[in-house]
Amino acid sequence: MGRYIHVTKETRQKLMKVFNCTSVMIWKALTFESDSELACKIRKAAYANYGILMSKQPSVETFHDHDNYMRQYLPNGAMLEFSKNDSSGDVFFKGLKVRHYDVVMLNDIEGIQNWAMTLR
């Protein structure tokens, strides 16, 4: 069973600045896709910034974080991130933002989930 470290968007941005690396490297470190020295340092810093070790399940996990984001982790590895402040949304796959939505209505989320589940 896979595992990953759940962190806020703010923490991911902070880790990219601190370690001077890309979002892909952060994704590889937090999803244990890389076991390099840098990845180990990133994971340690993620834990220090309130990262939570999670186990991947074949179901959708949804988090409502203190930073006013709702995040959903899909079984295929996609992550949906919706801002409660400005109603925007992003779809990430393998660490890369693959789609952005300026305004997401509640009834749009199911369609976004279905689209994100088709990513391979």
PDB file of N, CA and C in Angstrom:
ATOM      1  N   MET A   1       0.849  -1.176   0.000  1.00  0.00           N
ATOM      2  CA  MET A   1       0.000   0.000   0.000  1.00  0.00           C
ATOM      3  C   MET A   1       0.891   1.233   0.000  1.00  0.00           C
ATOM      4  N   GLY A   2       0.585   2.219  -0.854  1.00  0.00           N
ATOM      5  CA  GLY A   2       1.374   3.432  -0.959  1.00  0.00           C
ATOM      6  C   GLY A   2       1.146   4.371   0.208  1.00  0.00           C
ATOM      7  N   ARG A   3       1.993   5.366   0.276  1.00  0.00           N
ATOM      8  CA  ARG A   3       1.859   6.362   1.323  1.00  0.00           C
ATOM      9  C   ARG A   3       2.318   7.701   0.775  1.00  0.00           C
ATOM     10  N   TYR A   4       1.914   8.760   1.442  1.00  0.00           N
ATOM     11  CA  TYR A   4       2.318  10.104   1.066  1.00  0.00           C
ATOM     12  C   TYR A   4       2.229  10.988   2.293  1.00  0.00           C
ATOM     13  N   ILE A   5       2.840  12.146   2.206  1.00  0.00           N
ATOM     14  CA  ILE A   5       2.788  13.114   3.294  1.00  0.00           C
ATOM     15  C   ILE A   5       1.866  14.244   2.848  1.00  0.00           C
ATOM     16  N   HIS A   6       0.805  14.467   3.603  1.00  0.00           N
ATOM     17  CA  HIS A   6      -0.158  15.523   3.302  1.00  0.00           C
ATOM     18  C   HIS A   6       0.342  16.828   3.912  1.00  0.00           C
ATOM     19  N   VAL A   7       0.477  17.870   3.078  1.00  0.00           N
ATOM     20  CA  VAL A   7       0.853  19.204   3.547  1.00  0.00           C
ATOM     21  C   VAL A   7      -0.021  20.234   2.843  1.00  0.00           C
ATOM     22  N   THR A   8      -0.033  21.436   3.378  1.00  0.00           N
ATOM     23  CA  THR A   8      -0.812  22.513   2.768  1.00  0.00           C
ATOM     24  C   THR A   8      -0.098  23.058   1.544  1.00  0.00           C
ATOM     25  N   LYS A   9      -0.832  23.806   0.745  1.00  0.00           N
ATOM     26  CA  LYS A   9      -0.257  24.454  -0.431  1.00  0.00           C
ATOM     27  C   LYS A   9       0.861  25.402  -0.003  1.00  0.00           C
ATOM     28  N   GLU A  10       0.621  26.126   1.074  1.00  0.00           N
ATOM     29  CA  GLU A  10       1.625  27.055   1.603  1.00  0.00           C
ATOM     30  C   GLU A  10       2.922  26.317   1.954  1.00  0.00           C
ATOM     31  N   THR A  11       2.797  25.154   2.564  1.00  0.00           N
ATOM     32  CA  THR A  11       3.974  24.367   2.927  1.00  0.00           C
ATOM     33  C   THR A  11       4.708  23.881   1.688  1.00  0.00           C
ATOM     34  N   ARG A  12       3.972  23.445   0.657  1.00  0.00           N
ATOM     35  CA  ARG A  12       4.633  23.014  -0.586  1.00  0.00           C
ATOM     36  C   ARG A  12       5.427  24.158  -1.201  1.00  0.00           C
ATOM     37  N   GLN A  13       4.831  25.363  -1.210  1.00  0.00           N
ATOM     38  CA  GLN A  13       5.526  26.539  -1.750  1.00  0.00           C
ATOM     39  C   GLN A  13       6.777  26.844  -0.925  1.00  0.00           C
ATOM     40  N   LYS A  14       6.641  26.754   0.373  1.00  0.00           N
ATOM     41  CA  LYS A  14       7.772  27.008   1.274  1.00  0.00           C
ATOM     42  C   LYS A  14       8.890  25.995   1.030  1.00  0.00           C
ATOM     43  N   LEU A  15       8.543  24.733   0.882  1.00  0.00           N
ATOM     44  CA  LEU A  15       9.546  23.694   0.633  1.00  0.00           C
ATOM     45  C   LEU A  15      10.279  23.930  -0.691  1.00  0.00           C
ATOM     46  N   MET A  16       9.539  24.385  -1.722  1.00  0.00           N
ATOM     47  CA  MET A  16      10.182  24.666  -3.014  1.00  0.00           C
ATOM     48  C   MET A  16      11.209  25.788  -2.858  1.00  0.00           C
ATOM     49  N   LYS A  17      10.874  26.809  -2.065  1.00  0.00           N
ATOM     50  CA  LYS A  17      11.803  27.928  -1.862  1.00  0.00           C
ATOM     51  C   LYS A  17      13.004  27.496  -1.022  1.00  0.00           C
ATOM     52  N   VAL A  18      12.743  26.803   0.080  1.00  0.00           N
ATOM     53  CA  VAL A  18      13.816  26.405   0.993  1.00  0.00           C
ATOM     54  C   VAL A  18      14.821  25.500   0.297  1.00  0.00           C
ATOM     55  N   PHE A  19      14.333  24.541  -0.487  1.00  0.00           N
ATOM     56  CA  PHE A  19      15.215  23.569  -1.121  1.00  0.00           C
ATOM     57  C   PHE A  19      15.550  23.928  -2.574  1.00  0.00           C
ATOM     58  N   ASN A  20      15.036  25.087  -3.038  1.00  0.00           N
ATOM     59  CA  ASN A  20      15.322  25.564  -4.391  1.00  0.00           C
ATOM     60  C   ASN A  20      15.088  24.458  -5.426  1.00  0.00           C
ATOM     61  N   CYS A  21      13.876  23.916  -5.402  1.00  0.00           N
ATOM     62  CA  CYS A  21      13.554  22.819  -6.317  1.00  0.00           C
ATOM     63  C   CYS A  21      12.167  23.029  -6.915  1.00  0.00           C
ATOM     64  N   THR A  22      11.791  22.154  -7.821  1.00  0.00           N
ATOM     65  CA  THR A  22      10.516  22.274  -8.535  1.00  0.00           C
ATOM     66  C   THR A  22       9.382  21.587  -7.778  1.00  0.00           C
ATOM     67  N   SER A  23       8.174  21.857  -8.223  1.00  0.00           N
ATOM     68  CA  SER A  23       7.009  21.199  -7.632  1.00  0.00           C
ATOM     69  C   SER A  23       7.051  19.696  -7.871  1.00  0.00           C
ATOM     70  N   VAL A  24       7.667  19.275  -8.974  1.00  0.00           N
ATOM     71  CA  VAL A  24       7.773  17.846  -9.266  1.00  0.00           C
ATOM     72  C   VAL A  24       8.656  17.158  -8.225  1.00  0.00           C
ATOM     73  N   MET A  25       9.758  17.807  -7.841  1.00  0.00           N
ATOM     74  CA  MET A  25      10.630  17.219  -6.818  1.00  0.00           C
ATOM     75  C   MET A  25       9.904  17.126  -5.478  1.00  0.00           C
ATOM     76  N   ILE A  26       9.140  18.149  -5.155  1.00  0.00           N
ATOM     77  CA  ILE A  26       8.360  18.119  -3.907  1.00  0.00           C
ATOM     78  C   ILE A  26       7.374  16.956  -3.969  1.00  0.00           C
ATOM     79  N   TRP A  27       6.687  16.811  -5.098  1.00  0.00           N
ATOM     80  CA  TRP A  27       5.728  15.711  -5.249  1.00  0.00           C
ATOM     81  C   TRP A  27       6.426  14.364  -5.091  1.00  0.00           C
ATOM     82  N   LYS A  28       7.578  14.189  -5.757  1.00  0.00           N
ATOM     83  CA  LYS A  28       8.297  12.917  -5.666  1.00  0.00           C
ATOM     84  C   LYS A  28       8.721  12.618  -4.234  1.00  0.00           C
ATOM     85  N   ALA A  29       9.140  13.645  -3.515  1.00  0.00           N
ATOM     86  CA  ALA A  29       9.553  13.438  -2.123  1.00  0.00           C
ATOM     87  C   ALA A  29       8.357  13.091  -1.247  1.00  0.00           C
ATOM     88  N   LEU A  30       7.260  13.834  -1.385  1.00  0.00           N
ATOM     89  CA  LEU A  30       6.105  13.641  -0.505  1.00  0.00           C
ATOM     90  C   LEU A  30       5.329  12.363  -0.817  1.00  0.00           C
ATOM     91  N   THR A  31       5.492  11.825  -2.021  1.00  0.00           N
ATOM     92  CA  THR A  31       4.824  10.565  -2.373  1.00  0.00           C
ATOM     93  C   THR A  31       5.791   9.383  -2.338  1.00  0.00           C
ATOM     94  N   PHE A  32       6.995   9.616  -1.830  1.00  0.00           N
ATOM     95  CA  PHE A  32       8.018   8.573  -1.683  1.00  0.00           C
ATOM     96  C   PHE A  32       8.414   7.966  -3.031  1.00  0.00           C
ATOM     97  N   GLU A  33       8.270   8.746  -4.112  1.00  0.00           N
ATOM     98  CA  GLU A  33       8.706   8.303  -5.433  1.00  0.00           C
ATOM     99  C   GLU A  33      10.223   8.422  -5.568  1.00  0.00           C
ATOM    100  N   SER A  34      10.819   9.253  -4.722  1.00  0.00           N
ATOM    101  CA  SER A  34      12.273   9.428  -4.724  1.00  0.00           C
ATOM    102  C   SER A  34      12.794   9.156  -3.320  1.00  0.00           C
ATOM    103  N   ASP A  35      13.956   8.548  -3.250  1.00  0.00           N
ATOM    104  CA  ASP A  35      14.569   8.300  -1.956  1.00  0.00           C
ATOM    105  C   ASP A  35      15.961   8.948  -1.898  1.00  0.00           C
ATOM    106  N   SER A  36      16.131  10.007  -2.682  1.00  0.00           N
ATOM    107  CA  SER A  36      17.409  10.715  -2.701  1.00  0.00           C
ATOM    108  C   SER A  36      17.618  11.452  -1.374  1.00  0.00           C
ATOM    109  N   GLU A  37      18.827  11.949  -1.177  1.00  0.00           N
ATOM    110  CA  GLU A  37      19.126  12.707   0.036  1.00  0.00           C
ATOM    111  C   GLU A  37      18.234  13.950   0.123  1.00  0.00           C
ATOM    112  N   LEU A  38      18.023  14.613  -1.020  1.00  0.00           N
ATOM    113  CA  LEU A  38      17.158  15.790  -1.047  1.00  0.00           C
ATOM    114  C   LEU A  38      15.726  15.420  -0.677  1.00  0.00           C
ATOM    115  N   ALA A  39      15.224  14.323  -1.213  1.00  0.00           N
ATOM    116  CA  ALA A  39      13.853  13.889  -0.902  1.00  0.00           C
ATOM    117  C   ALA A  39      13.702  13.618   0.593  1.00  0.00           C
ATOM    118  N   CYS A  40      14.699  13.001   1.192  1.00  0.00           N
ATOM    119  CA  CYS A  40      14.649  12.726   2.639  1.00  0.00           C
ATOM    120  C   CYS A  40      14.610  14.029   3.437  1.00  0.00           C
ATOM    121  N   LYS A  41      15.380  15.022   3.006  1.00  0.00           N
ATOM    122  CA  LYS A  41      15.378  16.326   3.685  1.00  0.00           C
ATOM    123  C   LYS A  41      14.025  17.014   3.533  1.00  0.00           C
ATOM    124  N   ILE A  42      13.444  16.918   2.340  1.00  0.00           N
ATOM    125  CA  ILE A  42      12.130  17.523   2.094  1.00  0.00           C
ATOM    126  C   ILE A  42      11.079  16.871   2.987  1.00  0.00           C
ATOM    127  N   ARG A  43      11.097  15.540   3.090  1.00  0.00           N
ATOM    128  CA  ARG A  43      10.123  14.853   3.950  1.00  0.00           C
ATOM    129  C   ARG A  43      10.288  15.266   5.410  1.00  0.00           C
ATOM    130  N   LYS A  44      11.523  15.368   5.875  1.00  0.00           N
ATOM    131  CA  LYS A  44      11.775  15.771   7.255  1.00  0.00           C
ATOM    132  C   LYS A  44      11.220  17.182   7.501  1.00  0.00           C
ATOM    133  N   ALA A  45      11.454  18.089   6.560  1.00  0.00           N
ATOM    134  CA  ALA A  45      10.941  19.454   6.685  1.00  0.00           C
ATOM    135  C   ALA A  45       9.410  19.474   6.615  1.00  0.00           C
ATOM    136  N   ALA A  46       8.833  18.603   5.790  1.00  0.00           N
ATOM    137  CA  ALA A  46       7.369  18.535   5.690  1.00  0.00           C
ATOM    138  C   ALA A  46       6.763  18.110   7.030  1.00  0.00           C
ATOM    139  N   TYR A  47       7.356  17.106   7.671  1.00  0.00           N
ATOM    140  CA  TYR A  47       6.878  16.685   8.996  1.00  0.00           C
ATOM    141  C   TYR A  47       7.004  17.829  10.001  1.00  0.00           C
ATOM    142  N   ALA A  48       8.110  18.574   9.932  1.00  0.00           N
ATOM    143  CA  ALA A  48       8.332  19.692  10.851  1.00  0.00           C
ATOM    144  C   ALA A  48       7.320  20.816  10.639  1.00  0.00           C
ATOM    145  N   ASN A  49       6.719  20.847   9.428  1.00  0.00           N
ATOM    146  CA  ASN A  49       5.709  21.852   9.103  1.00  0.00           C
ATOM    147  C   ASN A  49       4.309  21.244   9.120  1.00  0.00           C
ATOM    148  N   TYR A  50       4.080  20.340  10.052  1.00  0.00           N
ATOM    149  CA  TYR A  50       2.764  19.728  10.303  1.00  0.00           C
ATOM    150  C   TYR A  50       2.284  18.800   9.192  1.00  0.00           C
ATOM    151  N   GLY A  51       3.216  18.202   8.452  1.00  0.00           N
ATOM    152  CA  GLY A  51       2.844  17.198   7.462  1.00  0.00           C
ATOM    153  C   GLY A  51       2.309  15.957   8.149  1.00  0.00           C
ATOM    154  N   ILE A  52       1.368  15.303   7.491  1.00  0.00           N
ATOM    155  CA  ILE A  52       0.723  14.120   8.055  1.00  0.00           C
ATOM    156  C   ILE A  52       0.981  12.937   7.121  1.00  0.00           C
ATOM    157  N   LEU A  53       1.529  11.855   7.654  1.00  0.00           N
ATOM    158  CA  LEU A  53       1.749  10.655   6.857  1.00  0.00           C
ATOM    159  C   LEU A  53       0.411   9.964   6.636  1.00  0.00           C
ATOM    160  N   MET A  54       0.104   9.708   5.371  1.00  0.00           N
ATOM    161  CA  MET A  54      -1.170   9.100   5.011  1.00  0.00           C
ATOM    162  C   MET A  54      -0.914   7.825   4.213  1.00  0.00           C
ATOM    163  N   SER A  55      -1.851   6.892   4.291  1.00  0.00           N
ATOM    164  CA  SER A  55      -1.811   5.682   3.478  1.00  0.00           C
ATOM    165  C   SER A  55      -2.794   5.836   2.338  1.00  0.00           C
ATOM    166  N   LYS A  56      -2.374   5.441   1.149  1.00  0.00           N
ATOM    167  CA  LYS A  56      -3.268   5.528  -0.005  1.00  0.00           C
ATOM    168  C   LYS A  56      -4.292   4.405   0.066  1.00  0.00           C
ATOM    169  N   GLN A  57      -5.515   4.759  -0.175  1.00  0.00           N
ATOM    170  CA  GLN A  57      -6.616   3.804  -0.197  1.00  0.00           C
ATOM    171  C   GLN A  57      -7.271   3.888  -1.573  1.00  0.00           C
ATOM    172  N   PRO A  58      -7.973   2.865  -1.984  1.00  0.00           N
ATOM    173  CA  PRO A  58      -8.654   2.934  -3.276  1.00  0.00           C
ATOM    174  C   PRO A  58      -9.950   3.741  -3.210  1.00  0.00           C
ATOM    175  N   SER A  59      -9.954   4.784  -2.385  1.00  0.00           N
ATOM    176  CA  SER A  59     -11.120   5.647  -2.270  1.00  0.00           C
ATOM    177  C   SER A  59     -10.654   7.097  -2.290  1.00  0.00           C
ATOM    178  N   VAL A  60     -11.579   8.021  -2.354  1.00  0.00           N
ATOM    179  CA  VAL A  60     -11.267   9.439  -2.378  1.00  0.00           C
ATOM    180  C   VAL A  60     -11.151   9.942  -0.940  1.00  0.00           C
ATOM    181  N   GLU A  61     -10.046  10.623  -0.667  1.00  0.00           N
ATOM    182  CA  GLU A  61      -9.863  11.241   0.639  1.00  0.00           C
ATOM    183  C   GLU A  61     -10.029  12.743   0.473  1.00  0.00           C
ATOM    184  N   THR A  62     -10.780  13.367   1.360  1.00  0.00           N
ATOM    185  CA  THR A  62     -11.011  14.810   1.285  1.00  0.00           C
ATOM    186  C   THR A  62     -10.592  15.454   2.590  1.00  0.00           C
ATOM    187  N   PHE A  63      -9.829  16.554   2.469  1.00  0.00           N
ATOM    188  CA  PHE A  63      -9.376  17.305   3.631  1.00  0.00           C
ATOM    189  C   PHE A  63      -9.834  18.743   3.497  1.00  0.00           C
ATOM    190  N   HIS A  64     -10.296  19.304   4.585  1.00  0.00           N
ATOM    191  CA  HIS A  64     -10.630  20.725   4.656  1.00  0.00           C
ATOM    192  C   HIS A  64      -9.600  21.329   5.601  1.00  0.00           C
ATOM    193  N   ASP A  65      -8.576  21.983   5.018  1.00  0.00           N
ATOM    194  CA  ASP A  65      -7.448  22.455   5.797  1.00  0.00           C
ATOM    195  C   ASP A  65      -7.677  23.850   6.364  1.00  0.00           C
ATOM    196  N   HIS A  66      -6.854  24.171   7.358  1.00  0.00           N
ATOM    197  CA  HIS A  66      -6.951  25.465   8.024  1.00  0.00           C
ATOM    198  C   HIS A  66      -6.606  26.627   7.094  1.00  0.00           C
ATOM    199  N   ASP A  67      -5.989  26.359   5.977  1.00  0.00           N
ATOM    200  CA  ASP A  67      -5.629  27.420   5.038  1.00  0.00           C
ATOM    201  C   ASP A  67      -6.745  27.713   4.033  1.00  0.00           C
ATOM    202  N   ASN A  68      -7.950  27.250   4.339  1.00  0.00           N
ATOM    203  CA  ASN A  68      -9.147  27.475   3.518  1.00  0.00           C
ATOM    204  C   ASN A  68      -9.090  26.816   2.152  1.00  0.00           C
ATOM    205  N   TYR A  69      -8.486  25.633   2.098  1.00  0.00           N
ATOM    206  CA  TYR A  69      -8.491  24.829   0.887  1.00  0.00           C
ATOM    207  C   TYR A  69      -9.148  23.491   1.173  1.00  0.00           C
ATOM    208  N   MET A  70      -9.858  22.997   0.191  1.00  0.00           N
ATOM    209  CA  MET A  70     -10.363  21.634   0.245  1.00  0.00           C
ATOM    210  C   MET A  70      -9.512  20.844  -0.740  1.00  0.00           C
ATOM    211  N   ARG A  71      -8.947  19.742  -0.272  1.00  0.00           N
ATOM    212  CA  ARG A  71      -8.104  18.921  -1.130  1.00  0.00           C
ATOM    213  C   ARG A  71      -8.668  17.509  -1.191  1.00  0.00           C
ATOM    214  N   GLN A  72      -8.695  16.960  -2.394  1.00  0.00           N
ATOM    215  CA  GLN A  72      -9.137  15.587  -2.575  1.00  0.00           C
ATOM    216  C   GLN A  72      -8.020  14.807  -3.247  1.00  0.00           C
ATOM    217  N   TYR A  73      -7.718  13.650  -2.680  1.00  0.00           N
ATOM    218  CA  TYR A  73      -6.709  12.756  -3.233  1.00  0.00           C
ATOM    219  C   TYR A  73      -7.445  11.591  -3.879  1.00  0.00           C
ATOM    220  N   LEU A  74      -7.273  11.436  -5.180  1.00  0.00           N
ATOM    221  CA  LEU A  74      -7.981  10.409  -5.930  1.00  0.00           C
ATOM    222  C   LEU A  74      -7.126   9.145  -6.055  1.00  0.00           C
ATOM    223  N   PRO A  75      -7.748   7.996  -6.248  1.00  0.00           N
ATOM    224  CA  PRO A  75      -6.999   6.729  -6.307  1.00  0.00           C
ATOM    225  C   PRO A  75      -5.947   6.660  -7.413  1.00  0.00           C
ATOM    226  N   ASN A  76      -6.107   7.418  -8.494  1.00  0.00           N
ATOM    227  CA  ASN A  76      -5.131   7.376  -9.590  1.00  0.00           C
ATOM    228  C   ASN A  76      -3.937   8.293  -9.340  1.00  0.00           C
ATOM    229  N   GLY A  77      -3.888   8.952  -8.194  1.00  0.00           N
ATOM    230  CA  GLY A  77      -2.768   9.824  -7.865  1.00  0.00           C
ATOM    231  C   GLY A  77      -3.030  11.293  -8.129  1.00  0.00           C
ATOM    232  N   ALA A  78      -4.163  11.635  -8.698  1.00  0.00           N
ATOM    233  CA  ALA A  78      -4.499  13.040  -8.933  1.00  0.00           C
ATOM    234  C   ALA A  78      -4.903  13.695  -7.612  1.00  0.00           C
ATOM    235  N   MET A  79      -4.653  14.990  -7.523  1.00  0.00           N
ATOM    236  CA  MET A  79      -5.088  15.755  -6.357  1.00  0.00           C
ATOM    237  C   MET A  79      -5.884  16.960  -6.849  1.00  0.00           C
ATOM    238  N   LEU A  80      -7.053  17.160  -6.276  1.00  0.00           N
ATOM    239  CA  LEU A  80      -7.877  18.322  -6.579  1.00  0.00           C
ATOM    240  C   LEU A  80      -7.725  19.298  -5.419  1.00  0.00           C
ATOM    241  N   GLU A  81      -7.565  20.567  -5.746  1.00  0.00           N
ATOM    242  CA  GLU A  81      -7.367  21.579  -4.712  1.00  0.00           C
ATOM    243  C   GLU A  81      -8.295  22.749  -5.008  1.00  0.00           C
ATOM    244  N   PHE A  82      -9.225  23.010  -4.088  1.00  0.00           N
ATOM    245  CA  PHE A  82     -10.216  24.063  -4.272  1.00  0.00           C
ATOM    246  C   PHE A  82     -10.052  25.108  -3.185  1.00  0.00           C
ATOM    247  N   SER A  83      -9.967  26.384  -3.586  1.00  0.00           N
ATOM    248  CA  SER A  83      -9.859  27.477  -2.632  1.00  0.00           C
ATOM    249  C   SER A  83     -11.248  27.877  -2.155  1.00  0.00           C
ATOM    250  N   LYS A  84     -11.415  27.951  -0.843  1.00  0.00           N
ATOM    251  CA  LYS A  84     -12.693  28.407  -0.297  1.00  0.00           C
ATOM    252  C   LYS A  84     -12.764  29.933  -0.306  1.00  0.00           C
ATOM    253  N   ASN A  85     -11.615  30.596  -0.500  1.00  0.00           N
ATOM    254  CA  ASN A  85     -11.581  32.060  -0.504  1.00  0.00           C
ATOM    255  C   ASN A  85     -12.053  32.657  -1.823  1.00  0.00           C
ATOM    256  N   ASP A  86     -11.560  32.118  -2.949  1.00  0.00           N
ATOM    257  CA  ASP A  86     -11.900  32.717  -4.238  1.00  0.00           C
ATOM    258  C   ASP A  86     -12.591  31.757  -5.208  1.00  0.00           C
ATOM    259  N   SER A  87     -12.953  30.558  -4.735  1.00  0.00           N
ATOM    260  CA  SER A  87     -13.676  29.551  -5.524  1.00  0.00           C
ATOM    261  C   SER A  87     -12.879  29.012  -6.707  1.00  0.00           C
ATOM    262  N   SER A  88     -11.564  29.216  -6.720  1.00  0.00           N
ATOM    263  CA  SER A  88     -10.756  28.660  -7.805  1.00  0.00           C
ATOM    264  C   SER A  88     -10.429  27.206  -7.500  1.00  0.00           C
ATOM    265  N   GLY A  89      -9.975  26.494  -8.510  1.00  0.00           N
ATOM    266  CA  GLY A  89      -9.617  25.099  -8.318  1.00  0.00           C
ATOM    267  C   GLY A  89      -8.489  24.693  -9.251  1.00  0.00           C
ATOM    268  N   ASP A  90      -7.706  23.730  -8.809  1.00  0.00           N
ATOM    269  CA  ASP A  90      -6.606  23.207  -9.606  1.00  0.00           C
ATOM    270  C   ASP A  90      -6.637  21.690  -9.549  1.00  0.00           C
ATOM    271  N   VAL A  91      -6.195  21.073 -10.649  1.00  0.00           N
ATOM    272  CA  VAL A  91      -6.022  19.623 -10.698  1.00  0.00           C
ATOM    273  C   VAL A  91      -4.527  19.374 -10.884  1.00  0.00           C
ATOM    274  N   PHE A  92      -3.955  18.571  -9.975  1.00  0.00           N
ATOM    275  CA  PHE A  92      -2.549  18.199 -10.053  1.00  0.00           C
ATOM    276  C   PHE A  92      -2.454  16.714 -10.368  1.00  0.00           C
ATOM    277  N   PHE A  93      -1.479  16.363 -11.208  1.00  0.00           N
ATOM    278  CA  PHE A  93      -1.230  14.962 -11.501  1.00  0.00           C
ATOM    279  C   PHE A  93       0.268  14.762 -11.580  1.00  0.00           C
ATOM    280  N   LYS A  94       0.770  13.865 -10.757  1.00  0.00           N
ATOM    281  CA  LYS A  94       2.207  13.596 -10.658  1.00  0.00           C
ATOM    282  C   LYS A  94       2.994  14.867 -10.392  1.00  0.00           C
ATOM    283  N   GLY A  95       2.432  15.728  -9.539  1.00  0.00           N
ATOM    284  CA  GLY A  95       3.132  16.936  -9.130  1.00  0.00           C
ATOM    285  C   GLY A  95       2.983  18.132 -10.038  1.00  0.00           C
ATOM    286  N   LEU A  96       2.355  17.960 -11.182  1.00  0.00           N
ATOM    287  CA  LEU A  96       2.180  19.063 -12.116  1.00  0.00           C
ATOM    288  C   LEU A  96       0.736  19.526 -12.145  1.00  0.00           C
ATOM    289  N   LYS A  97       0.552  20.838 -12.201  1.00  0.00           N
ATOM    290  CA  LYS A  97      -0.795  21.377 -12.354  1.00  0.00           C
ATOM    291  C   LYS A  97      -1.212  21.151 -13.800  1.00  0.00           C
ATOM    292  N   VAL A  98      -2.270  20.375 -13.997  1.00  0.00           N
ATOM    293  CA  VAL A  98      -2.700  20.041 -15.355  1.00  0.00           C
ATOM    294  C   VAL A  98      -3.954  20.798 -15.780  1.00  0.00           C
ATOM    295  N   ARG A  99      -4.648  21.400 -14.826  1.00  0.00           N
ATOM    296  CA  ARG A  99      -5.831  22.178 -15.181  1.00  0.00           C
ATOM    297  C   ARG A  99      -6.143  23.160 -14.055  1.00  0.00           C
ATOM    298  N   HIS A 100      -6.604  24.363 -14.450  1.00  0.00           N
ATOM    299  CA  HIS A 100      -6.999  25.396 -13.488  1.00  0.00           C
ATOM    300  C   HIS A 100      -8.422  25.840 -13.794  1.00  0.00           C
ATOM    301  N   TYR A 101      -9.183  26.080 -12.762  1.00  0.00           N
ATOM    302  CA  TYR A 101     -10.557  26.583 -12.896  1.00  0.00           C
ATOM    303  C   TYR A 101     -10.642  27.890 -12.111  1.00  0.00           C
ATOM    304  N   ASP A 102     -11.136  28.943 -12.752  1.00  0.00           N
ATOM    305  CA  ASP A 102     -11.243  30.232 -12.070  1.00  0.00           C
ATOM    306  C   ASP A 102     -12.380  30.258 -11.056  1.00  0.00           C
ATOM    307  N   VAL A 103     -13.521  29.721 -11.441  1.00  0.00           N
ATOM    308  CA  VAL A 103     -14.675  29.690 -10.540  1.00  0.00           C
ATOM    309  C   VAL A 103     -15.255  28.284 -10.554  1.00  0.00           C
ATOM    310  N   VAL A 104     -15.280  27.651  -9.390  1.00  0.00           N
ATOM    311  CA  VAL A 104     -15.822  26.295  -9.269  1.00  0.00           C
ATOM    312  C   VAL A 104     -17.074  26.364  -8.400  1.00  0.00           C
ATOM    313  N   MET A 105     -18.162  25.918  -8.971  1.00  0.00           N
ATOM    314  CA  MET A 105     -19.413  25.822  -8.218  1.00  0.00           C
ATOM    315  C   MET A 105     -19.500  24.409  -7.644  1.00  0.00           C
ATOM    316  N   LEU A 106     -20.265  24.245  -6.598  1.00  0.00           N
ATOM    317  CA  LEU A 106     -20.402  22.949  -5.941  1.00  0.00           C
ATOM    318  C   LEU A 106     -20.825  21.859  -6.927  1.00  0.00           C
ATOM    319  N   ASN A 107     -21.735  22.181  -7.831  1.00  0.00           N
ATOM    320  CA  ASN A 107     -22.202  21.167  -8.782  1.00  0.00           C
ATOM    321  C   ASN A 107     -21.183  20.883  -9.890  1.00  0.00           C
ATOM    322  N   ASP A 108     -20.075  21.641  -9.958  1.00  0.00           N
ATOM    323  CA  ASP A 108     -19.007  21.380 -10.926  1.00  0.00           C
ATOM    324  C   ASP A 108     -18.032  20.312 -10.434  1.00  0.00           C
ATOM    325  N   ILE A 109     -17.963  20.094  -9.138  1.00  0.00           N
ATOM    326  CA  ILE A 109     -16.915  19.246  -8.556  1.00  0.00           C
ATOM    327  C   ILE A 109     -16.986  17.811  -9.072  1.00  0.00           C
ATOM    328  N   GLU A 110     -18.170  17.252  -9.198  1.00  0.00           N
ATOM    329  CA  GLU A 110     -18.274  15.875  -9.677  1.00  0.00           C
ATOM    330  C   GLU A 110     -17.692  15.723 -11.082  1.00  0.00           C
ATOM    331  N   GLY A 111     -17.955  16.673 -11.953  1.00  0.00           N
ATOM    332  CA  GLY A 111     -17.398  16.620 -13.305  1.00  0.00           C
ATOM    333  C   GLY A 111     -15.880  16.742 -13.294  1.00  0.00           C
ATOM    334  N   ILE A 112     -15.353  17.597 -12.416  1.00  0.00           N
ATOM    335  CA  ILE A 112     -13.898  17.749 -12.299  1.00  0.00           C
ATOM    336  C   ILE A 112     -13.286  16.453 -11.772  1.00  0.00           C
ATOM    337  N   GLN A 113     -13.939  15.844 -10.803  1.00  0.00           N
ATOM    338  CA  GLN A 113     -13.456  14.555 -10.272  1.00  0.00           C
ATOM    339  C   GLN A 113     -13.432  13.497 -11.368  1.00  0.00           C
ATOM    340  N   ASN A 114     -14.514  13.413 -12.133  1.00  0.00           N
ATOM    341  CA  ASN A 114     -14.593  12.414 -13.205  1.00  0.00           C
ATOM    342  C   ASN A 114     -13.499  12.631 -14.243  1.00  0.00           C
ATOM    343  N   TRP A 115     -13.242  13.901 -14.608  1.00  0.00           N
ATOM    344  CA  TRP A 115     -12.188  14.195 -15.569  1.00  0.00           C
ATOM    345  C   TRP A 115     -10.831  13.801 -14.989  1.00  0.00           C
ATOM    346  N   ALA A 116     -10.578  14.168 -13.740  1.00  0.00           N
ATOM    347  CA  ALA A 116      -9.284  13.893 -13.101  1.00  0.00           C
ATOM    348  C   ALA A 116      -9.038  12.385 -12.976  1.00  0.00           C
ATOM    349  N   MET A 117     -10.095  11.608 -12.795  1.00  0.00           N
ATOM    350  CA  MET A 117      -9.950  10.149 -12.680  1.00  0.00           C
ATOM    351  C   MET A 117      -9.515   9.506 -14.004  1.00  0.00           C
ATOM    352  N   THR A 118      -9.668  10.213 -15.115  1.00  0.00           N
ATOM    353  CA  THR A 118      -9.263   9.656 -16.410  1.00  0.00           C
ATOM    354  C   THR A 118      -7.767   9.838 -16.670  1.00  0.00           C
ATOM    355  N   LEU A 119      -7.085  10.622 -15.836  1.00  0.00           N
ATOM    356  CA  LEU A 119      -5.658  10.870 -16.048  1.00  0.00           C
ATOM    357  C   LEU A 119      -4.852   9.607 -15.800  1.00  0.00           C
ATOM    358  N   ARG A 120      -3.897   9.361 -16.639  1.00  0.00           N
ATOM    359  CA  ARG A 120      -3.004   8.195 -16.506  1.00  0.00           C
ATOM    360  C   ARG A 120      -1.592   8.612 -16.728  1.00  0.00           C
TER     361      ARG A 120
END
